[in-house]
N, C-alpha and C. Protein backbone atom coordinates (compact mmCIF):
# COMPACT_ATOMS: atom_id res chain seq x y z
N MET A 1 185.57 -72.02 -96.48
CA MET A 1 184.90 -71.22 -95.47
C MET A 1 184.83 -72.04 -94.18
N SER A 2 185.31 -71.49 -93.07
CA SER A 2 185.23 -72.20 -91.80
C SER A 2 183.87 -71.91 -91.15
N HIS A 3 183.45 -72.79 -90.27
CA HIS A 3 182.13 -72.60 -89.65
C HIS A 3 182.20 -71.56 -88.53
N LYS A 4 181.06 -70.85 -88.37
CA LYS A 4 180.96 -69.78 -87.38
C LYS A 4 179.88 -70.03 -86.34
N PHE A 5 179.13 -71.13 -86.51
CA PHE A 5 178.13 -71.47 -85.50
C PHE A 5 177.97 -72.98 -85.43
N LEU A 6 177.44 -73.44 -84.30
CA LEU A 6 177.18 -74.85 -84.07
C LEU A 6 175.68 -75.07 -83.87
N VAL A 7 175.20 -76.20 -84.37
CA VAL A 7 173.82 -76.61 -84.19
C VAL A 7 173.88 -77.94 -83.45
N HIS A 8 173.11 -78.08 -82.39
CA HIS A 8 173.20 -79.29 -81.58
C HIS A 8 172.59 -80.51 -82.27
N ASN A 9 171.38 -80.35 -82.82
CA ASN A 9 170.68 -81.50 -83.39
C ASN A 9 170.00 -81.14 -84.71
N VAL A 10 169.86 -82.13 -85.58
CA VAL A 10 169.08 -81.98 -86.81
C VAL A 10 167.67 -81.56 -86.40
N GLY A 11 167.13 -80.55 -87.05
CA GLY A 11 165.78 -80.08 -86.74
C GLY A 11 165.74 -78.90 -85.78
N ASP A 12 166.87 -78.55 -85.16
CA ASP A 12 166.91 -77.36 -84.32
C ASP A 12 166.65 -76.13 -85.18
N SER A 13 165.97 -75.15 -84.62
CA SER A 13 165.68 -73.93 -85.37
C SER A 13 166.69 -72.81 -85.12
N VAL A 14 167.63 -73.04 -84.20
CA VAL A 14 168.69 -72.06 -83.93
C VAL A 14 170.04 -72.74 -83.82
N GLY A 15 171.08 -71.96 -84.11
CA GLY A 15 172.46 -72.37 -83.88
C GLY A 15 173.10 -71.38 -82.93
N VAL A 16 174.28 -71.72 -82.42
CA VAL A 16 174.99 -70.87 -81.46
C VAL A 16 176.30 -70.39 -82.09
N ALA A 17 176.50 -69.06 -82.09
CA ALA A 17 177.70 -68.47 -82.67
C ALA A 17 178.94 -68.86 -81.87
N ILE A 18 179.97 -69.32 -82.56
CA ILE A 18 181.23 -69.66 -81.89
C ILE A 18 182.27 -68.56 -82.08
N GLU A 19 181.85 -67.49 -82.75
CA GLU A 19 182.60 -66.25 -82.83
C GLU A 19 181.60 -65.18 -83.26
N ASP A 20 181.96 -63.92 -83.10
CA ASP A 20 181.07 -62.85 -83.55
C ASP A 20 180.75 -63.02 -85.03
N ILE A 21 179.49 -62.75 -85.38
CA ILE A 21 179.03 -62.84 -86.77
C ILE A 21 178.53 -61.45 -87.17
N GLU A 22 179.04 -60.94 -88.27
CA GLU A 22 178.63 -59.62 -88.76
C GLU A 22 177.37 -59.73 -89.60
N ALA A 23 176.55 -58.69 -89.60
CA ALA A 23 175.36 -58.64 -90.45
C ALA A 23 175.78 -58.74 -91.91
N GLY A 24 175.04 -59.52 -92.68
CA GLY A 24 175.31 -59.66 -94.11
C GLY A 24 176.34 -60.72 -94.47
N GLU A 25 176.92 -61.36 -93.47
CA GLU A 25 177.91 -62.42 -93.76
C GLU A 25 177.22 -63.68 -94.25
N GLN A 26 177.81 -64.32 -95.25
CA GLN A 26 177.40 -65.64 -95.70
C GLN A 26 178.22 -66.62 -94.85
N ILE A 27 177.56 -67.39 -94.00
CA ILE A 27 178.28 -68.22 -93.03
C ILE A 27 177.82 -69.66 -93.07
N GLN A 28 178.66 -70.53 -92.50
CA GLN A 28 178.34 -71.95 -92.38
C GLN A 28 178.42 -72.36 -90.93
N GLY A 29 177.62 -73.37 -90.61
CA GLY A 29 177.65 -73.98 -89.30
C GLY A 29 177.65 -75.48 -89.43
N VAL A 30 177.98 -76.15 -88.35
CA VAL A 30 178.05 -77.62 -88.33
C VAL A 30 176.99 -78.15 -87.38
N ILE A 31 176.24 -79.16 -87.83
CA ILE A 31 175.30 -79.85 -86.95
C ILE A 31 176.08 -80.95 -86.24
N LEU A 32 176.19 -80.85 -84.92
CA LEU A 32 177.02 -81.77 -84.15
C LEU A 32 176.53 -83.21 -84.22
N GLU A 33 175.23 -83.40 -84.35
CA GLU A 33 174.65 -84.75 -84.37
C GLU A 33 175.16 -85.60 -85.53
N ASP A 34 175.36 -84.97 -86.72
CA ASP A 34 175.75 -85.77 -87.88
C ASP A 34 176.86 -85.13 -88.73
N ASP A 35 177.45 -84.05 -88.23
CA ASP A 35 178.54 -83.34 -88.92
C ASP A 35 178.13 -82.74 -90.27
N SER A 36 176.84 -82.58 -90.51
CA SER A 36 176.42 -81.93 -91.75
C SER A 36 176.62 -80.41 -91.63
N VAL A 37 176.63 -79.75 -92.78
CA VAL A 37 176.90 -78.31 -92.83
C VAL A 37 175.63 -77.56 -93.21
N VAL A 38 175.41 -76.43 -92.54
CA VAL A 38 174.27 -75.55 -92.79
C VAL A 38 174.82 -74.20 -93.21
N SER A 39 174.24 -73.60 -94.25
CA SER A 39 174.65 -72.27 -94.70
C SER A 39 173.51 -71.29 -94.50
N VAL A 40 173.86 -70.07 -94.13
CA VAL A 40 172.86 -69.03 -93.91
C VAL A 40 173.54 -67.66 -94.08
N GLU A 41 172.77 -66.67 -94.49
CA GLU A 41 173.27 -65.29 -94.51
C GLU A 41 172.74 -64.59 -93.26
N SER A 42 173.63 -64.03 -92.47
CA SER A 42 173.21 -63.36 -91.24
C SER A 42 172.53 -62.04 -91.58
N ARG A 43 171.44 -61.77 -90.89
CA ARG A 43 170.70 -60.52 -91.09
C ARG A 43 171.13 -59.45 -90.08
N ASP A 44 171.75 -59.90 -88.98
CA ASP A 44 172.10 -59.01 -87.87
C ASP A 44 173.49 -59.36 -87.36
N PHE A 45 174.06 -58.46 -86.56
CA PHE A 45 175.25 -58.80 -85.80
C PHE A 45 174.84 -59.78 -84.71
N ILE A 46 175.57 -60.88 -84.57
CA ILE A 46 175.29 -61.89 -83.56
C ILE A 46 176.56 -62.13 -82.75
N PRO A 47 176.51 -61.78 -81.46
CA PRO A 47 177.71 -61.95 -80.63
C PRO A 47 178.03 -63.41 -80.34
N LEU A 48 179.28 -63.66 -80.07
CA LEU A 48 179.75 -64.98 -79.64
C LEU A 48 178.84 -65.53 -78.55
N GLY A 49 178.42 -66.78 -78.70
CA GLY A 49 177.60 -67.45 -77.69
C GLY A 49 176.11 -67.20 -77.81
N HIS A 50 175.70 -66.36 -78.76
CA HIS A 50 174.29 -66.06 -78.92
C HIS A 50 173.72 -66.84 -80.10
N LYS A 51 172.39 -66.81 -80.25
CA LYS A 51 171.69 -67.66 -81.20
C LYS A 51 171.40 -66.96 -82.53
N ILE A 52 171.46 -67.77 -83.60
CA ILE A 52 171.07 -67.34 -84.94
C ILE A 52 169.95 -68.25 -85.43
N ALA A 53 168.92 -67.66 -86.04
CA ALA A 53 167.80 -68.44 -86.57
C ALA A 53 168.23 -69.17 -87.84
N LEU A 54 167.90 -70.44 -87.91
CA LEU A 54 168.24 -71.26 -89.07
C LEU A 54 167.07 -71.39 -90.04
N VAL A 55 165.89 -71.00 -89.57
CA VAL A 55 164.66 -71.06 -90.37
C VAL A 55 163.82 -69.84 -90.03
N ASP A 56 162.88 -69.50 -90.90
CA ASP A 56 161.90 -68.47 -90.56
C ASP A 56 160.98 -69.03 -89.47
N LEU A 57 160.68 -68.20 -88.49
CA LEU A 57 159.79 -68.58 -87.39
C LEU A 57 158.67 -67.56 -87.28
N ASP A 58 157.44 -68.02 -87.34
CA ASP A 58 156.30 -67.12 -87.17
C ASP A 58 156.13 -66.74 -85.71
N GLU A 59 155.46 -65.62 -85.46
CA GLU A 59 155.13 -65.23 -84.10
C GLU A 59 154.39 -66.38 -83.42
N ASN A 60 154.72 -66.66 -82.18
CA ASN A 60 154.16 -67.73 -81.35
C ASN A 60 154.64 -69.13 -81.74
N SER A 61 155.59 -69.23 -82.67
CA SER A 61 156.17 -70.54 -83.01
C SER A 61 157.14 -70.96 -81.92
N LYS A 62 157.24 -72.25 -81.71
CA LYS A 62 158.23 -72.78 -80.77
C LYS A 62 159.62 -72.65 -81.38
N VAL A 63 160.58 -72.25 -80.56
CA VAL A 63 161.98 -72.19 -80.96
C VAL A 63 162.63 -73.44 -80.40
N ILE A 64 163.24 -74.24 -81.29
CA ILE A 64 163.77 -75.55 -80.92
C ILE A 64 165.29 -75.53 -80.85
N GLU A 65 165.81 -76.06 -79.73
CA GLU A 65 167.25 -76.29 -79.56
C GLU A 65 167.38 -77.53 -78.71
N TYR A 66 168.35 -78.36 -78.98
CA TYR A 66 168.52 -79.65 -78.29
C TYR A 66 167.31 -80.55 -78.50
N ARG A 67 166.59 -80.35 -79.61
CA ARG A 67 165.37 -81.09 -79.95
C ARG A 67 164.18 -80.78 -79.04
N VAL A 68 164.29 -79.74 -78.21
CA VAL A 68 163.18 -79.37 -77.32
C VAL A 68 162.87 -77.89 -77.49
N PRO A 69 161.62 -77.50 -77.21
CA PRO A 69 161.28 -76.07 -77.28
C PRO A 69 161.97 -75.32 -76.13
N ILE A 70 162.75 -74.30 -76.49
CA ILE A 70 163.42 -73.49 -75.47
C ILE A 70 162.64 -72.20 -75.23
N GLY A 71 161.63 -71.96 -76.07
CA GLY A 71 160.82 -70.77 -75.93
C GLY A 71 159.92 -70.58 -77.12
N VAL A 72 159.31 -69.39 -77.18
CA VAL A 72 158.36 -69.04 -78.23
C VAL A 72 158.77 -67.71 -78.84
N ALA A 73 158.68 -67.62 -80.15
CA ALA A 73 158.98 -66.36 -80.84
C ALA A 73 157.90 -65.33 -80.49
N THR A 74 158.31 -64.17 -80.02
CA THR A 74 157.36 -63.12 -79.65
C THR A 74 156.98 -62.26 -80.85
N LYS A 75 157.67 -62.44 -81.96
CA LYS A 75 157.36 -61.78 -83.23
C LYS A 75 158.00 -62.62 -84.33
N LYS A 76 157.69 -62.28 -85.57
CA LYS A 76 158.28 -62.99 -86.71
C LYS A 76 159.80 -62.90 -86.63
N ILE A 77 160.48 -64.04 -86.79
CA ILE A 77 161.94 -64.09 -86.80
C ILE A 77 162.34 -64.69 -88.15
N TYR A 78 163.19 -63.99 -88.87
CA TYR A 78 163.62 -64.45 -90.18
C TYR A 78 164.92 -65.24 -90.09
N LYS A 79 165.07 -66.20 -90.99
CA LYS A 79 166.30 -66.97 -91.09
C LYS A 79 167.50 -66.03 -91.13
N GLY A 80 168.50 -66.29 -90.30
CA GLY A 80 169.70 -65.46 -90.25
C GLY A 80 169.64 -64.35 -89.20
N SER A 81 168.49 -64.23 -88.52
CA SER A 81 168.33 -63.17 -87.52
C SER A 81 168.90 -63.57 -86.16
N TYR A 82 169.21 -62.56 -85.39
CA TYR A 82 169.65 -62.70 -84.01
C TYR A 82 168.45 -63.10 -83.17
N VAL A 83 168.57 -64.20 -82.41
CA VAL A 83 167.49 -64.67 -81.54
C VAL A 83 167.93 -64.45 -80.10
N HIS A 84 167.15 -63.62 -79.39
CA HIS A 84 167.49 -63.28 -78.00
C HIS A 84 166.22 -62.77 -77.32
N THR A 85 166.37 -62.13 -76.19
CA THR A 85 165.22 -61.71 -75.38
C THR A 85 164.29 -60.72 -76.09
N HIS A 86 164.74 -60.04 -77.11
CA HIS A 86 163.89 -59.09 -77.83
C HIS A 86 162.88 -59.77 -78.74
N ASN A 87 163.08 -61.07 -79.03
CA ASN A 87 162.15 -61.78 -79.91
C ASN A 87 161.89 -63.23 -79.47
N LEU A 88 162.28 -63.56 -78.24
CA LEU A 88 162.11 -64.92 -77.71
C LEU A 88 161.64 -64.85 -76.27
N LYS A 89 160.54 -65.54 -75.98
CA LYS A 89 160.05 -65.70 -74.61
C LYS A 89 160.51 -67.07 -74.15
N THR A 90 161.34 -67.11 -73.13
CA THR A 90 161.92 -68.35 -72.67
C THR A 90 160.88 -69.35 -72.17
N ALA A 91 161.18 -70.62 -72.29
CA ALA A 91 160.30 -71.68 -71.80
C ALA A 91 160.51 -71.94 -70.31
N ARG A 92 161.44 -71.24 -69.68
CA ARG A 92 161.68 -71.45 -68.25
C ARG A 92 160.50 -71.05 -67.40
N TRP A 93 159.70 -70.09 -67.87
CA TRP A 93 158.53 -69.64 -67.15
C TRP A 93 157.33 -69.90 -68.02
N LYS A 94 156.16 -69.96 -67.41
CA LYS A 94 154.94 -70.18 -68.17
C LYS A 94 154.75 -69.04 -69.17
N TYR A 95 154.28 -69.38 -70.36
CA TYR A 95 154.04 -68.36 -71.39
C TYR A 95 152.94 -67.44 -70.91
N GLY A 96 153.10 -66.16 -71.19
CA GLY A 96 152.09 -65.17 -70.83
C GLY A 96 152.32 -64.52 -69.49
N GLU A 97 153.29 -64.98 -68.72
CA GLU A 97 153.57 -64.36 -67.42
C GLU A 97 154.41 -63.12 -67.60
């Protein structure tokens, strides 16, 4: 099985799709920091360049990428789900604005 997403660092809660991912696919990704492999079943269609959750995230949990919080989950996000503006409040602006 070839990998379909990349993870920047160990401990990141999301990976980035390097090709379209179909809902229900059993997929693998590579953690660039140490070349380890992560497996997950996708819950949603995830377009190329978009994020997939690697762990379950509770509402208001920090979403981690590059070892830093990139935002906060606006609702429960399940492992394998599509992570985007419908369930992520970006860290670029103050939370609650």
